[in-house]
Structures are given as structure tokens and as C-alpha cells.
Amino acid sequence: MTKSLAVHLAEITRVRIETPELGKMLARKRKLRNSLTDDGRLNIIAADHPARRVVQAGGVPMAMANRLNYLGRIAEILIADAADGVMATMDILEELLILSHLIEEHGGKSFVDHKLLIASLNRGGLSKTAWELDDPITGTNPSTCSDWNLDGAKMLLRIDDQDPNSLKTIMYCTDAINHLLHLDLPMFLEPLPIVRGADGLKVKKDAESLALIAGVASALGQSSSRLWLKLPYCENFGIVAQSTTLPILLLGGDTQDGNKFLNDIKKALSSGANVCGTMAGRNVLYSTERSPVSMASEINALVHKLPVKT
């Protein structure tokens, strides 16, 4: 992180206190893209983990709990134009808007103009709680996404066949999809098949389970016209891709070997024409082999079929 970026990060709290309405003002005047994607593909940074008490990354238990460091990693990627945008909770989106403004005030260039800002809606299913699969919208809502000039919304839908709370979350997601449709905004839905074991919830990452849940997710709401799916990679991913015509973005999950993650992306992108990119967080921001900008740039090149920036 550059010294100047660190200085601007340290100013965010002062701005929050002195001008609490600034985030909304900046969001409303932000320059938007003409369309969600120019080439049918997206590379989005996922940054909504801390709101669910998930802060471990790269083998460091409290890595994402260091907010200024966390924001700095995201900002560096956006400044380097190494991603299409960021999906995050509203607090993080507000902080990025303020940080970009502070950089502009000192002669720099906005890093939020023409980038996608996607709001994460449901964070109520806190990690390791008894109600974890009852996951209502505890963040922003679709109306605020529209009011703040945001580019879309994301929700997590975890389904455990043995937990009735999953049905509640299906309904929360359906209501949000319908609301976003009326606002002409896309929903990025992350449907995950879950089993509960002695160590807590575990995602079933086999092609059959993911294909089945993709079929369920594709049918939610009054229309699937603005629906994208966010799914984990697995072996035989072609089976998953064939289960829907909806665009699919790959999630990152727990931090893993960077080379393996890049290879998984390559294989997934070749599995079907509807595998359209990534929405990953920890594997990009906390890669053990590469800087955040380097990792994001390599993913961006794979997704958009570009030469790797050096």
C-alpha cells in the first residue's frame, strides 16, 4: 500500500463524522457504465465477509478485521483497473466512495466511476449461530440500491434439507429478486447446498448437488431476466453449467493455492458459454503467492481474454 493511500484511508473516520451524508451524495453523482458488461463477462471483488463474522484469510485469523488494510487491498485493485467492480456491504461501499473522493481532492482519479458497485443484502445468518440458515436482509434493501445509484444486489441462499430455516431464506431471496426486477436491477444469487456436521455448515461441492440447486435458484422470482448465479467450482463443472442458461460467476471460497485457483477458473470458463466470470474475495485479496493487484489482473485477463498486465 502506498503512503498516500494510507494517509487517505486514515481520513475516512473524520469525513464520516463531519459529513455523514457524503457517501450517499457521492454515490448519486458517480458516473455509471452504459451497460452491466461490455463483453458478457465480469470480474467482481467480493468484500462482504466481515459482516457475517468471517475474517480469517490467508492463514491469518483476523486478517479481514483490519478494516484499513482490507479497504486498501480493494482500492488498489480498483485503482489498477484490475476488476470490473466490487460486491460489498454498504459500510464498505460507503468507505470506498469516501476514499475515492479523498483521492480526487488531492488530484487523483476516481476509482469508483464506471465500476460496478453491488450491495450485499442478507448478512443476518451470522457464522456459527443456531439461526445461521435463517438469513434475512439485515443490510441494505433493493430500494436503497436504486436510490444510491448502485448497479445491483447480491444475496446468499444456503439450503440444508434438514433445516426449516432454509425455506425462510428462499422467501427472502424471492422477495428481493422481485423487488429488483421492478427497479431494473440485477440480482447476483449465491445458492449453496449445505450439510450440517460436527464442525458446522459445509458446502456440498459436487456437480450433481450444484446442478440441482442451480435449477431451483433459476426458477425463483417473477422472472429470471436479471438473475445471475454465483457458484463454487467443482470437478465435472460442465454438468453444473448445463443445468441453467443463466450467467454463472465463480466464487472463491476459503483461501487456497493461487495457482490452483487460477487453474480452476480456466477449467470452469471452458465448461460452458454461460460461465461468465468471477465474484471472489479472499483468494484475490489475500493470495499467498501474489499481491492483490497481481492476482486480480491475472483473473481479469482470464475472464476478459486480455493480456496479463505486468
C-alpha atoms as a PDB file:
ATOM      1  CA  MET A   1       0.000   0.000   0.000  1.00  0.00           C
ATOM      2  CA  THR A   2       1.373   3.415  -0.946  1.00  0.00           C
ATOM      3  CA  LYS A   3       1.964   6.050   1.721  1.00  0.00           C
ATOM      4  CA  SER A   4      -0.547   8.441   0.128  1.00  0.00           C
ATOM      5  CA  LEU A   5      -3.262   5.768   0.066  1.00  0.00           C
ATOM      6  CA  ALA A   6      -2.621   5.012   3.748  1.00  0.00           C
ATOM      7  CA  VAL A   7      -2.983   8.712   4.587  1.00  0.00           C
ATOM      8  CA  HIS A   8      -6.325   8.929   2.785  1.00  0.00           C
ATOM      9  CA  LEU A   9      -7.586   5.777   4.494  1.00  0.00           C
ATOM     10  CA  ALA A  10      -6.831   7.320   7.875  1.00  0.00           C
ATOM     11  CA  GLU A  11      -9.089  10.276   6.996  1.00  0.00           C
ATOM     12  CA  ILE A  12     -12.261   8.239   6.486  1.00  0.00           C
ATOM     13  CA  THR A  13     -13.452   8.459  10.100  1.00  0.00           C
ATOM     14  CA  ARG A  14     -13.068  12.247  10.154  1.00  0.00           C
ATOM     15  CA  VAL A  15     -15.153  12.535   6.984  1.00  0.00           C
ATOM     16  CA  ARG A  16     -17.792  10.172   8.404  1.00  0.00           C
ATOM     17  CA  ILE A  17     -18.170  12.412  11.475  1.00  0.00           C
ATOM     18  CA  GLU A  18     -18.064  15.773   9.692  1.00  0.00           C
ATOM     19  CA  THR A  19     -20.159  14.868   6.623  1.00  0.00           C
ATOM     20  CA  PRO A  20     -22.266  11.784   7.364  1.00  0.00           C
ATOM     21  CA  GLU A  21     -24.361  12.257   4.221  1.00  0.00           C
ATOM     22  CA  LEU A  22     -21.320  12.378   1.892  1.00  0.00           C
ATOM     23  CA  GLY A  23     -21.417   8.693   0.948  1.00  0.00           C
ATOM     24  CA  LYS A  24     -24.925   8.965  -0.491  1.00  0.00           C
ATOM     25  CA  MET A  25     -24.095  12.213  -2.293  1.00  0.00           C
ATOM     26  CA  LEU A  26     -21.031  10.640  -3.889  1.00  0.00           C
ATOM     27  CA  ALA A  27     -22.954   7.521  -4.880  1.00  0.00           C
ATOM     28  CA  ARG A  28     -25.646   9.557  -6.611  1.00  0.00           C
ATOM     29  CA  LYS A  29     -23.192  11.586  -8.701  1.00  0.00           C
ATOM     30  CA  ARG A  30     -20.964   8.614  -9.579  1.00  0.00           C
ATOM     31  CA  LYS A  31     -20.505   8.007 -13.316  1.00  0.00           C
ATOM     32  CA  LEU A  32     -22.118   4.708 -14.270  1.00  0.00           C
ATOM     33  CA  ARG A  33     -21.316   2.283 -17.055  1.00  0.00           C
ATOM     34  CA  ASN A  34     -23.501   2.294 -20.140  1.00  0.00           C
ATOM     35  CA  SER A  35     -24.232  -1.387 -19.504  1.00  0.00           C
ATOM     36  CA  LEU A  36     -23.507  -4.012 -16.873  1.00  0.00           C
ATOM     37  CA  THR A  37     -20.887  -5.665 -19.072  1.00  0.00           C
ATOM     38  CA  ASP A  38     -19.401  -4.880 -22.478  1.00  0.00           C
ATOM     39  CA  ASP A  39     -18.318  -8.405 -23.357  1.00  0.00           C
ATOM     40  CA  GLY A  40     -20.782 -10.528 -21.392  1.00  0.00           C
ATOM     41  CA  ARG A  41     -18.212 -11.222 -18.673  1.00  0.00           C
ATOM     42  CA  LEU A  42     -17.490  -9.874 -15.188  1.00  0.00           C
ATOM     43  CA  ASN A  43     -14.652  -9.963 -12.675  1.00  0.00           C
ATOM     44  CA  ILE A  44     -16.006  -8.700  -9.338  1.00  0.00           C
ATOM     45  CA  ILE A  45     -14.225  -8.463  -5.977  1.00  0.00           C
ATOM     46  CA  ALA A  46     -16.313  -9.931  -3.136  1.00  0.00           C
ATOM     47  CA  ALA A  47     -15.980  -7.990   0.110  1.00  0.00           C
ATOM     48  CA  ASP A  48     -18.935  -8.843   2.334  1.00  0.00           C
ATOM     49  CA  HIS A  49     -17.370 -11.425   4.652  1.00  0.00           C
ATOM     50  CA  PRO A  50     -16.723  -9.403   7.869  1.00  0.00           C
ATOM     51  CA  ALA A  51     -20.431  -8.619   8.281  1.00  0.00           C
ATOM     52  CA  ARG A  52     -21.007 -12.335   8.832  1.00  0.00           C
ATOM     53  CA  ARG A  53     -18.110 -12.664  11.334  1.00  0.00           C
ATOM     54  CA  VAL A  54     -15.891 -14.291   8.699  1.00  0.00           C
ATOM     55  CA  VAL A  55     -12.500 -12.570   8.956  1.00  0.00           C
ATOM     56  CA  GLN A  56      -9.891 -15.306   8.540  1.00  0.00           C
ATOM     57  CA  ALA A  57      -7.898 -15.205   5.305  1.00  0.00           C
ATOM     58  CA  GLY A  58      -4.519 -16.422   4.126  1.00  0.00           C
ATOM     59  CA  GLY A  59      -3.945 -18.339   7.353  1.00  0.00           C
ATOM     60  CA  VAL A  60      -4.332 -15.165   9.455  1.00  0.00           C
ATOM     61  CA  PRO A  61      -7.284 -15.496  11.889  1.00  0.00           C
ATOM     62  CA  MET A  62      -8.177 -11.768  11.990  1.00  0.00           C
ATOM     63  CA  ALA A  63      -6.921 -10.663   8.557  1.00  0.00           C
ATOM     64  CA  MET A  64     -10.149  -9.084   7.302  1.00  0.00           C
ATOM     65  CA  ALA A  65     -10.846  -7.498  10.693  1.00  0.00           C
ATOM     66  CA  ASN A  66      -8.177  -4.872   9.923  1.00  0.00           C
ATOM     67  CA  ARG A  67     -10.519  -2.531   8.064  1.00  0.00           C
ATOM     68  CA  LEU A  68      -7.990  -0.042   6.704  1.00  0.00           C
ATOM     69  CA  ASN A  69      -5.784  -2.830   5.369  1.00  0.00           C
ATOM     70  CA  TYR A  70      -8.848  -4.542   3.904  1.00  0.00           C
ATOM     71  CA  LEU A  71     -10.052  -1.378   2.176  1.00  0.00           C
ATOM     72  CA  GLY A  72      -6.555  -0.652   0.916  1.00  0.00           C
ATOM     73  CA  ARG A  73      -6.351  -4.020  -0.843  1.00  0.00           C
ATOM     74  CA  ILE A  74      -9.717  -3.494  -2.534  1.00  0.00           C
ATOM     75  CA  ALA A  75      -8.881   0.080  -3.540  1.00  0.00           C
ATOM     76  CA  GLU A  76      -5.523  -0.917  -5.034  1.00  0.00           C
ATOM     77  CA  ILE A  77      -7.273  -3.385  -7.345  1.00  0.00           C
ATOM     78  CA  LEU A  78      -9.859  -0.826  -8.467  1.00  0.00           C
ATOM     79  CA  ILE A  79      -7.211   1.883  -8.942  1.00  0.00           C
ATOM     80  CA  ALA A  80      -5.220  -0.543 -11.108  1.00  0.00           C
ATOM     81  CA  ASP A  81      -8.360  -1.230 -13.183  1.00  0.00           C
ATOM     82  CA  ALA A  82      -7.860  -4.941 -12.475  1.00  0.00           C
ATOM     83  CA  ALA A  83     -11.549  -5.719 -11.821  1.00  0.00           C
ATOM     84  CA  ASP A  84     -14.980  -4.614 -13.009  1.00  0.00           C
ATOM     85  CA  GLY A  85     -16.087  -3.616  -9.540  1.00  0.00           C
ATOM     86  CA  VAL A  86     -16.823  -4.746  -6.017  1.00  0.00           C
ATOM     87  CA  MET A  87     -19.659  -6.507  -4.210  1.00  0.00           C
ATOM     88  CA  ALA A  88     -19.797  -5.490  -0.551  1.00  0.00           C
ATOM     89  CA  THR A  89     -21.921  -4.443   2.384  1.00  0.00           C
ATOM     90  CA  MET A  90     -22.970  -0.795   2.499  1.00  0.00           C
ATOM     91  CA  ASP A  91     -20.393   0.229   5.094  1.00  0.00           C
ATOM     92  CA  ILE A  92     -17.589  -0.899   2.803  1.00  0.00           C
ATOM     93  CA  LEU A  93     -19.167   0.662  -0.292  1.00  0.00           C
ATOM     94  CA  GLU A  94     -19.524   3.966   1.593  1.00  0.00           C
ATOM     95  CA  GLU A  95     -15.891   3.811   2.710  1.00  0.00           C
ATOM     96  CA  LEU A  96     -14.715   3.159  -0.845  1.00  0.00           C
ATOM     97  CA  LEU A  97     -16.792   6.091  -2.120  1.00  0.00           C
ATOM     98  CA  ILE A  98     -15.266   8.371   0.528  1.00  0.00           C
ATOM     99  CA  LEU A  99     -11.754   7.103  -0.135  1.00  0.00           C
ATOM    100  CA  SER A 100     -12.114   7.695  -3.875  1.00  0.00           C
ATOM    101  CA  HIS A 101     -13.368  11.229  -3.120  1.00  0.00           C
ATOM    102  CA  LEU A 102     -10.370  11.951  -0.890  1.00  0.00           C
ATOM    103  CA  ILE A 103      -8.023  10.801  -3.640  1.00  0.00           C
ATOM    104  CA  GLU A 104      -9.778  13.068  -6.139  1.00  0.00           C
ATOM    105  CA  GLU A 105      -9.489  16.017  -3.751  1.00  0.00           C
ATOM    106  CA  HIS A 106      -5.720  15.576  -3.841  1.00  0.00           C
ATOM    107  CA  GLY A 107      -5.509  15.498  -7.620  1.00  0.00           C
ATOM    108  CA  GLY A 108      -6.069  11.810  -8.219  1.00  0.00           C
ATOM    109  CA  LYS A 109      -8.642   9.997 -10.323  1.00  0.00           C
ATOM    110  CA  SER A 110     -11.879   8.443  -9.135  1.00  0.00           C
ATOM    111  CA  PHE A 111     -11.684   4.657  -8.863  1.00  0.00           C
ATOM    112  CA  VAL A 112     -15.461   4.183  -8.488  1.00  0.00           C
ATOM    113  CA  ASP A 113     -16.568   5.871 -11.716  1.00  0.00           C
ATOM    114  CA  HIS A 114     -17.555   3.288 -14.340  1.00  0.00           C
ATOM    115  CA  LYS A 115     -17.024   0.472 -11.822  1.00  0.00           C
ATOM    116  CA  LEU A 116     -19.810  -1.788 -10.623  1.00  0.00           C
ATOM    117  CA  LEU A 117     -20.879  -1.285  -7.005  1.00  0.00           C
ATOM    118  CA  ILE A 118     -23.062  -4.199  -5.918  1.00  0.00           C
ATOM    119  CA  ALA A 119     -24.641  -4.298  -2.472  1.00  0.00           C
ATOM    120  CA  SER A 120     -24.745  -7.427  -0.308  1.00  0.00           C
ATOM    121  CA  LEU A 121     -28.220  -7.654   1.233  1.00  0.00           C
ATOM    122  CA  ASN A 122     -28.539 -10.567   3.661  1.00  0.00           C
ATOM    123  CA  ARG A 123     -25.935 -10.848   6.398  1.00  0.00           C
ATOM    124  CA  GLY A 124     -28.179 -11.914   9.294  1.00  0.00           C
ATOM    125  CA  GLY A 125     -27.149 -15.566   9.218  1.00  0.00           C
ATOM    126  CA  LEU A 126     -24.061 -14.986  11.328  1.00  0.00           C
ATOM    127  CA  SER A 127     -21.370 -17.644  11.165  1.00  0.00           C
ATOM    128  CA  LYS A 128     -21.722 -20.451  13.726  1.00  0.00           C
ATOM    129  CA  THR A 129     -25.035 -19.271  15.181  1.00  0.00           C
ATOM    130  CA  ALA A 130     -28.014 -21.535  15.836  1.00  0.00           C
ATOM    131  CA  TRP A 131     -30.096 -19.491  13.348  1.00  0.00           C
ATOM    132  CA  GLU A 132     -27.382 -19.329  10.663  1.00  0.00           C
ATOM    133  CA  LEU A 133     -29.635 -20.556   7.840  1.00  0.00           C
ATOM    134  CA  ASP A 134     -32.384 -18.064   8.686  1.00  0.00           C
ATOM    135  CA  ASP A 135     -30.703 -15.307   6.731  1.00  0.00           C
ATOM    136  CA  PRO A 136     -32.906 -12.194   6.315  1.00  0.00           C
ATOM    137  CA  ILE A 137     -31.959  -8.878   4.742  1.00  0.00           C
ATOM    138  CA  THR A 138     -30.123  -7.107   7.548  1.00  0.00           C
ATOM    139  CA  GLY A 139     -28.069  -4.886   5.255  1.00  0.00           C
ATOM    140  CA  THR A 140     -29.464  -2.521   2.661  1.00  0.00           C
ATOM    141  CA  ASN A 141     -32.522  -3.262   0.537  1.00  0.00           C
ATOM    142  CA  PRO A 142     -33.356  -3.036  -3.180  1.00  0.00           C
ATOM    143  CA  SER A 143     -34.966   0.415  -2.873  1.00  0.00           C
ATOM    144  CA  THR A 144     -31.813   1.849  -1.328  1.00  0.00           C
ATOM    145  CA  CYS A 145     -29.703   0.223  -4.051  1.00  0.00           C
ATOM    146  CA  SER A 146     -31.727   2.188  -6.600  1.00  0.00           C
ATOM    147  CA  ASP A 147     -31.703   5.384  -4.520  1.00  0.00           C
ATOM    148  CA  TRP A 148     -27.934   5.193  -4.136  1.00  0.00           C
ATOM    149  CA  ASN A 149     -27.324   4.638  -7.842  1.00  0.00           C
ATOM    150  CA  LEU A 150     -25.853   1.168  -7.275  1.00  0.00           C
ATOM    151  CA  ASP A 151     -25.501  -1.424 -10.022  1.00  0.00           C
ATOM    152  CA  GLY A 152     -27.214  -4.418  -8.445  1.00  0.00           C
ATOM    153  CA  ALA A 153     -27.528  -6.588  -5.360  1.00  0.00           C
ATOM    154  CA  LYS A 154     -26.315  -9.942  -4.103  1.00  0.00           C
ATOM    155  CA  MET A 155     -27.847 -12.498  -1.755  1.00  0.00           C
ATOM    156  CA  LEU A 156     -26.659 -15.767  -0.254  1.00  0.00           C
ATOM    157  CA  LEU A 157     -29.059 -18.727  -0.293  1.00  0.00           C
ATOM    158  CA  ARG A 158     -27.884 -21.761   1.674  1.00  0.00           C
ATOM    159  CA  ILE A 159     -30.186 -24.774   1.600  1.00  0.00           C
ATOM    160  CA  ASP A 160     -29.964 -27.569   4.147  1.00  0.00           C
ATOM    161  CA  ASP A 161     -32.698 -30.136   3.507  1.00  0.00           C
ATOM    162  CA  GLN A 162     -32.944 -30.790   7.249  1.00  0.00           C
ATOM    163  CA  ASP A 163     -33.246 -27.161   8.388  1.00  0.00           C
ATOM    164  CA  PRO A 164     -36.623 -25.367   8.023  1.00  0.00           C
ATOM    165  CA  ASN A 165     -34.810 -22.026   8.238  1.00  0.00           C
ATOM    166  CA  SER A 166     -33.670 -22.552   4.637  1.00  0.00           C
ATOM    167  CA  LEU A 167     -37.259 -22.105   3.435  1.00  0.00           C
ATOM    168  CA  LYS A 168     -37.408 -18.687   5.125  1.00  0.00           C
ATOM    169  CA  THR A 169     -34.277 -17.626   3.251  1.00  0.00           C
ATOM    170  CA  ILE A 170     -35.725 -18.867  -0.051  1.00  0.00           C
ATOM    171  CA  MET A 171     -38.623 -16.484   0.531  1.00  0.00           C
ATOM    172  CA  TYR A 172     -36.340 -13.573   1.472  1.00  0.00           C
ATOM    173  CA  CYS A 173     -34.389 -14.084  -1.745  1.00  0.00           C
ATOM    174  CA  THR A 174     -37.526 -14.384  -3.862  1.00  0.00           C
ATOM    175  CA  ASP A 175     -38.940 -11.136  -2.491  1.00  0.00           C
ATOM    176  CA  ALA A 176     -35.668  -9.340  -3.199  1.00  0.00           C
ATOM    177  CA  ILE A 177     -35.446 -10.725  -6.750  1.00  0.00           C
ATOM    178  CA  ASN A 178     -38.971  -9.464  -7.463  1.00  0.00           C
ATOM    179  CA  HIS A 179     -38.256  -6.031  -5.973  1.00  0.00           C
ATOM    180  CA  LEU A 180     -35.062  -5.676  -8.014  1.00  0.00           C
ATOM    181  CA  LEU A 181     -36.925  -6.664 -11.177  1.00  0.00           C
ATOM    182  CA  HIS A 182     -39.283  -3.707 -10.700  1.00  0.00           C
ATOM    183  CA  LEU A 183     -36.250  -1.446 -10.289  1.00  0.00           C
ATOM    184  CA  ASP A 184     -34.487  -2.880 -13.390  1.00  0.00           C
ATOM    185  CA  LEU A 185     -31.539  -4.026 -11.291  1.00  0.00           C
ATOM    186  CA  PRO A 186     -29.772  -7.406 -11.455  1.00  0.00           C
ATOM    187  CA  MET A 187     -29.612  -9.934  -8.638  1.00  0.00           C
ATOM    188  CA  PHE A 188     -26.446 -11.969  -8.100  1.00  0.00           C
ATOM    189  CA  LEU A 189     -27.685 -15.019  -6.190  1.00  0.00           C
ATOM    190  CA  GLU A 190     -25.308 -17.443  -4.456  1.00  0.00           C
ATOM    191  CA  PRO A 191     -27.223 -20.725  -3.968  1.00  0.00           C
ATOM    192  CA  LEU A 192     -25.307 -23.337  -1.987  1.00  0.00           C
ATOM    193  CA  PRO A 193     -26.316 -26.858  -0.954  1.00  0.00           C
ATOM    194  CA  ILE A 194     -25.388 -27.294   2.706  1.00  0.00           C
ATOM    195  CA  VAL A 195     -24.980 -30.139   5.193  1.00  0.00           C
ATOM    196  CA  ARG A 196     -24.523 -29.609   8.919  1.00  0.00           C
ATOM    197  CA  GLY A 197     -21.796 -31.607  10.627  1.00  0.00           C
ATOM    198  CA  ALA A 198     -19.909 -31.600  13.897  1.00  0.00           C
ATOM    199  CA  ASP A 199     -17.763 -28.695  12.655  1.00  0.00           C
ATOM    200  CA  GLY A 200     -20.686 -26.616  11.438  1.00  0.00           C
ATOM    201  CA  LEU A 201     -22.032 -25.989   7.945  1.00  0.00           C
ATOM    202  CA  LYS A 202     -20.275 -27.448   4.925  1.00  0.00           C
ATOM    203  CA  VAL A 203     -20.941 -26.766   1.242  1.00  0.00           C
ATOM    204  CA  LYS A 204     -21.627 -29.817  -0.936  1.00  0.00           C
ATOM    205  CA  LYS A 205     -19.264 -29.193  -3.849  1.00  0.00           C
ATOM    206  CA  ASP A 206     -20.206 -31.995  -6.203  1.00  0.00           C
ATOM    207  CA  ALA A 207     -21.611 -31.452  -9.680  1.00  0.00           C
ATOM    208  CA  GLU A 208     -24.948 -33.151  -9.029  1.00  0.00           C
ATOM    209  CA  SER A 209     -25.715 -31.127  -5.875  1.00  0.00           C
ATOM    210  CA  LEU A 210     -24.730 -27.851  -7.528  1.00  0.00           C
ATOM    211  CA  ALA A 211     -26.722 -28.613 -10.684  1.00  0.00           C
ATOM    212  CA  LEU A 212     -29.818 -29.381  -8.627  1.00  0.00           C
ATOM    213  CA  ILE A 213     -29.612 -26.171  -6.634  1.00  0.00           C
ATOM    214  CA  ALA A 214     -28.897 -24.147  -9.786  1.00  0.00           C
ATOM    215  CA  GLY A 215     -32.202 -25.426 -11.162  1.00  0.00           C
ATOM    216  CA  VAL A 216     -34.021 -24.290  -8.021  1.00  0.00           C
ATOM    217  CA  ALA A 217     -32.334 -20.866  -7.975  1.00  0.00           C
ATOM    218  CA  SER A 218     -33.014 -20.236 -11.682  1.00  0.00           C
ATOM    219  CA  ALA A 219     -36.770 -20.530 -11.119  1.00  0.00           C
ATOM    220  CA  LEU A 220     -37.059 -18.087  -8.199  1.00  0.00           C
ATOM    221  CA  GLY A 221     -38.990 -14.861  -8.652  1.00  0.00           C
ATOM    222  CA  GLN A 222     -41.401 -13.499 -11.220  1.00  0.00           C
ATOM    223  CA  SER A 223     -38.724 -13.578 -13.925  1.00  0.00           C
ATOM    224  CA  SER A 224     -35.159 -14.777 -14.323  1.00  0.00           C
ATOM    225  CA  SER A 225     -34.358 -11.980 -16.777  1.00  0.00           C
ATOM    226  CA  ARG A 226     -31.935 -10.149 -14.460  1.00  0.00           C
ATOM    227  CA  LEU A 227     -30.662 -13.103 -12.444  1.00  0.00           C
ATOM    228  CA  TRP A 228     -27.018 -14.196 -12.229  1.00  0.00           C
ATOM    229  CA  LEU A 229     -25.770 -17.187 -10.232  1.00  0.00           C
ATOM    230  CA  LYS A 230     -22.654 -17.316  -8.082  1.00  0.00           C
ATOM    231  CA  LEU A 231     -21.354 -20.868  -7.639  1.00  0.00           C
ATOM    232  CA  PRO A 232     -18.231 -22.715  -6.464  1.00  0.00           C
ATOM    233  CA  TYR A 233     -16.075 -24.677  -8.891  1.00  0.00           C
ATOM    234  CA  CYS A 234     -16.125 -28.458  -8.747  1.00  0.00           C
ATOM    235  CA  GLU A 235     -14.952 -31.353 -10.889  1.00  0.00           C
ATOM    236  CA  ASN A 236     -17.203 -32.019 -13.886  1.00  0.00           C
ATOM    237  CA  PHE A 237     -18.345 -28.401 -13.780  1.00  0.00           C
ATOM    238  CA  GLY A 238     -19.832 -28.816 -17.238  1.00  0.00           C
ATOM    239  CA  ILE A 239     -22.742 -30.650 -15.592  1.00  0.00           C
ATOM    240  CA  VAL A 240     -23.398 -27.544 -13.471  1.00  0.00           C
ATOM    241  CA  ALA A 241     -23.101 -25.188 -16.444  1.00  0.00           C
ATOM    242  CA  GLN A 242     -25.559 -27.297 -18.451  1.00  0.00           C
ATOM    243  CA  SER A 243     -28.189 -27.123 -15.696  1.00  0.00           C
ATOM    244  CA  THR A 244     -29.093 -23.486 -16.462  1.00  0.00           C
ATOM    245  CA  THR A 245     -28.836 -20.841 -19.158  1.00  0.00           C
ATOM    246  CA  LEU A 246     -28.322 -18.142 -16.533  1.00  0.00           C
ATOM    247  CA  PRO A 247     -24.891 -16.475 -16.414  1.00  0.00           C
ATOM    248  CA  ILE A 248     -22.628 -18.014 -13.765  1.00  0.00           C
ATOM    249  CA  LEU A 249     -19.880 -16.297 -11.771  1.00  0.00           C
ATOM    250  CA  LEU A 250     -17.381 -18.395  -9.822  1.00  0.00           C
ATOM    251  CA  LEU A 251     -16.938 -17.768  -6.129  1.00  0.00           C
ATOM    252  CA  GLY A 252     -13.596 -18.094  -4.401  1.00  0.00           C
ATOM    253  CA  GLY A 253     -14.323 -19.642  -1.010  1.00  0.00           C
ATOM    254  CA  ASP A 254     -11.608 -20.267   1.542  1.00  0.00           C
ATOM    255  CA  THR A 255      -8.135 -19.089   0.604  1.00  0.00           C
ATOM    256  CA  GLN A 256      -6.319 -21.739  -1.388  1.00  0.00           C
ATOM    257  CA  ASP A 257      -3.216 -22.100  -3.518  1.00  0.00           C
ATOM    258  CA  GLY A 258      -3.282 -19.254  -6.051  1.00  0.00           C
ATOM    259  CA  ASN A 259      -2.127 -21.368  -8.966  1.00  0.00           C
ATOM    260  CA  LYS A 260      -4.850 -23.938  -8.267  1.00  0.00           C
ATOM    261  CA  PHE A 261      -7.474 -21.201  -8.066  1.00  0.00           C
ATOM    262  CA  LEU A 262      -6.389 -19.761 -11.405  1.00  0.00           C
ATOM    263  CA  ASN A 263      -6.424 -23.226 -12.944  1.00  0.00           C
ATOM    264  CA  ASP A 264      -9.923 -23.845 -11.573  1.00  0.00           C
ATOM    265  CA  ILE A 265     -11.080 -20.594 -13.193  1.00  0.00           C
ATOM    266  CA  LYS A 266      -9.600 -21.653 -16.538  1.00  0.00           C
ATOM    267  CA  LYS A 267     -11.347 -25.013 -16.409  1.00  0.00           C
ATOM    268  CA  ALA A 268     -14.663 -23.511 -15.345  1.00  0.00           C
ATOM    269  CA  LEU A 269     -14.613 -20.843 -18.064  1.00  0.00           C
ATOM    270  CA  SER A 270     -14.162 -23.578 -20.664  1.00  0.00           C
ATOM    271  CA  SER A 271     -17.032 -25.645 -19.217  1.00  0.00           C
ATOM    272  CA  GLY A 272     -19.848 -23.673 -20.809  1.00  0.00           C
ATOM    273  CA  ALA A 273     -20.642 -20.431 -22.597  1.00  0.00           C
ATOM    274  CA  ASN A 274     -22.717 -19.278 -19.616  1.00  0.00           C
ATOM    275  CA  VAL A 275     -19.731 -19.371 -17.222  1.00  0.00           C
ATOM    276  CA  CYS A 276     -19.084 -15.656 -17.419  1.00  0.00           C
ATOM    277  CA  GLY A 277     -16.512 -14.725 -14.797  1.00  0.00           C
ATOM    278  CA  THR A 278     -15.806 -14.491 -11.092  1.00  0.00           C
ATOM    279  CA  MET A 279     -17.021 -12.901  -7.872  1.00  0.00           C
ATOM    280  CA  ALA A 280     -14.211 -13.815  -5.480  1.00  0.00           C
ATOM    281  CA  GLY A 281     -12.789 -12.249  -2.345  1.00  0.00           C
ATOM    282  CA  ARG A 282     -10.227 -13.926  -0.117  1.00  0.00           C
ATOM    283  CA  ASN A 283      -8.458 -15.762  -2.939  1.00  0.00           C
ATOM    284  CA  VAL A 284      -7.865 -12.429  -4.647  1.00  0.00           C
ATOM    285  CA  LEU A 285      -7.281 -10.097  -1.708  1.00  0.00           C
ATOM    286  CA  TYR A 286      -5.132 -12.475   0.370  1.00  0.00           C
ATOM    287  CA  SER A 287      -3.316 -14.707  -2.090  1.00  0.00           C
ATOM    288  CA  THR A 288      -0.192 -16.183  -0.511  1.00  0.00           C
ATOM    289  CA  GLU A 289       1.778 -16.084  -3.782  1.00  0.00           C
ATOM    290  CA  ARG A 290       0.705 -12.791  -5.376  1.00  0.00           C
ATOM    291  CA  SER A 291      -0.227  -9.250  -4.457  1.00  0.00           C
ATOM    292  CA  PRO A 292      -3.951  -8.393  -4.656  1.00  0.00           C
ATOM    293  CA  VAL A 293      -3.371  -6.387  -7.845  1.00  0.00           C
ATOM    294  CA  SER A 294      -1.327  -9.163  -9.464  1.00  0.00           C
ATOM    295  CA  MET A 295      -3.915 -11.824  -8.630  1.00  0.00           C
ATOM    296  CA  ALA A 296      -6.827  -9.663  -9.772  1.00  0.00           C
ATOM    297  CA  SER A 297      -5.007  -8.810 -13.003  1.00  0.00           C
ATOM    298  CA  GLU A 298      -4.418 -12.471 -13.829  1.00  0.00           C
ATOM    299  CA  ILE A 299      -8.063 -13.300 -13.162  1.00  0.00           C
ATOM    300  CA  ASN A 300      -9.170 -10.281 -15.188  1.00  0.00           C
ATOM    301  CA  ALA A 301      -7.094 -11.474 -18.126  1.00  0.00           C
ATOM    302  CA  LEU A 302      -8.664 -14.937 -17.959  1.00  0.00           C
ATOM    303  CA  VAL A 303     -12.197 -13.607 -17.651  1.00  0.00           C
ATOM    304  CA  HIS A 304     -11.975 -10.934 -20.330  1.00  0.00           C
ATOM    305  CA  LYS A 305      -9.435 -12.743 -22.550  1.00  0.00           C
ATOM    306  CA  LEU A 306      -6.876  -9.980 -22.152  1.00  0.00           C
ATOM    307  CA  PRO A 307      -3.068  -9.966 -21.934  1.00  0.00           C
ATOM    308  CA  VAL A 308      -1.860 -10.075 -18.320  1.00  0.00           C
ATOM    309  CA  LYS A 309      -0.826  -6.653 -17.019  1.00  0.00           C
ATOM    310  CA  THR A 310       2.692  -6.524 -15.591  1.00  0.00           C
END
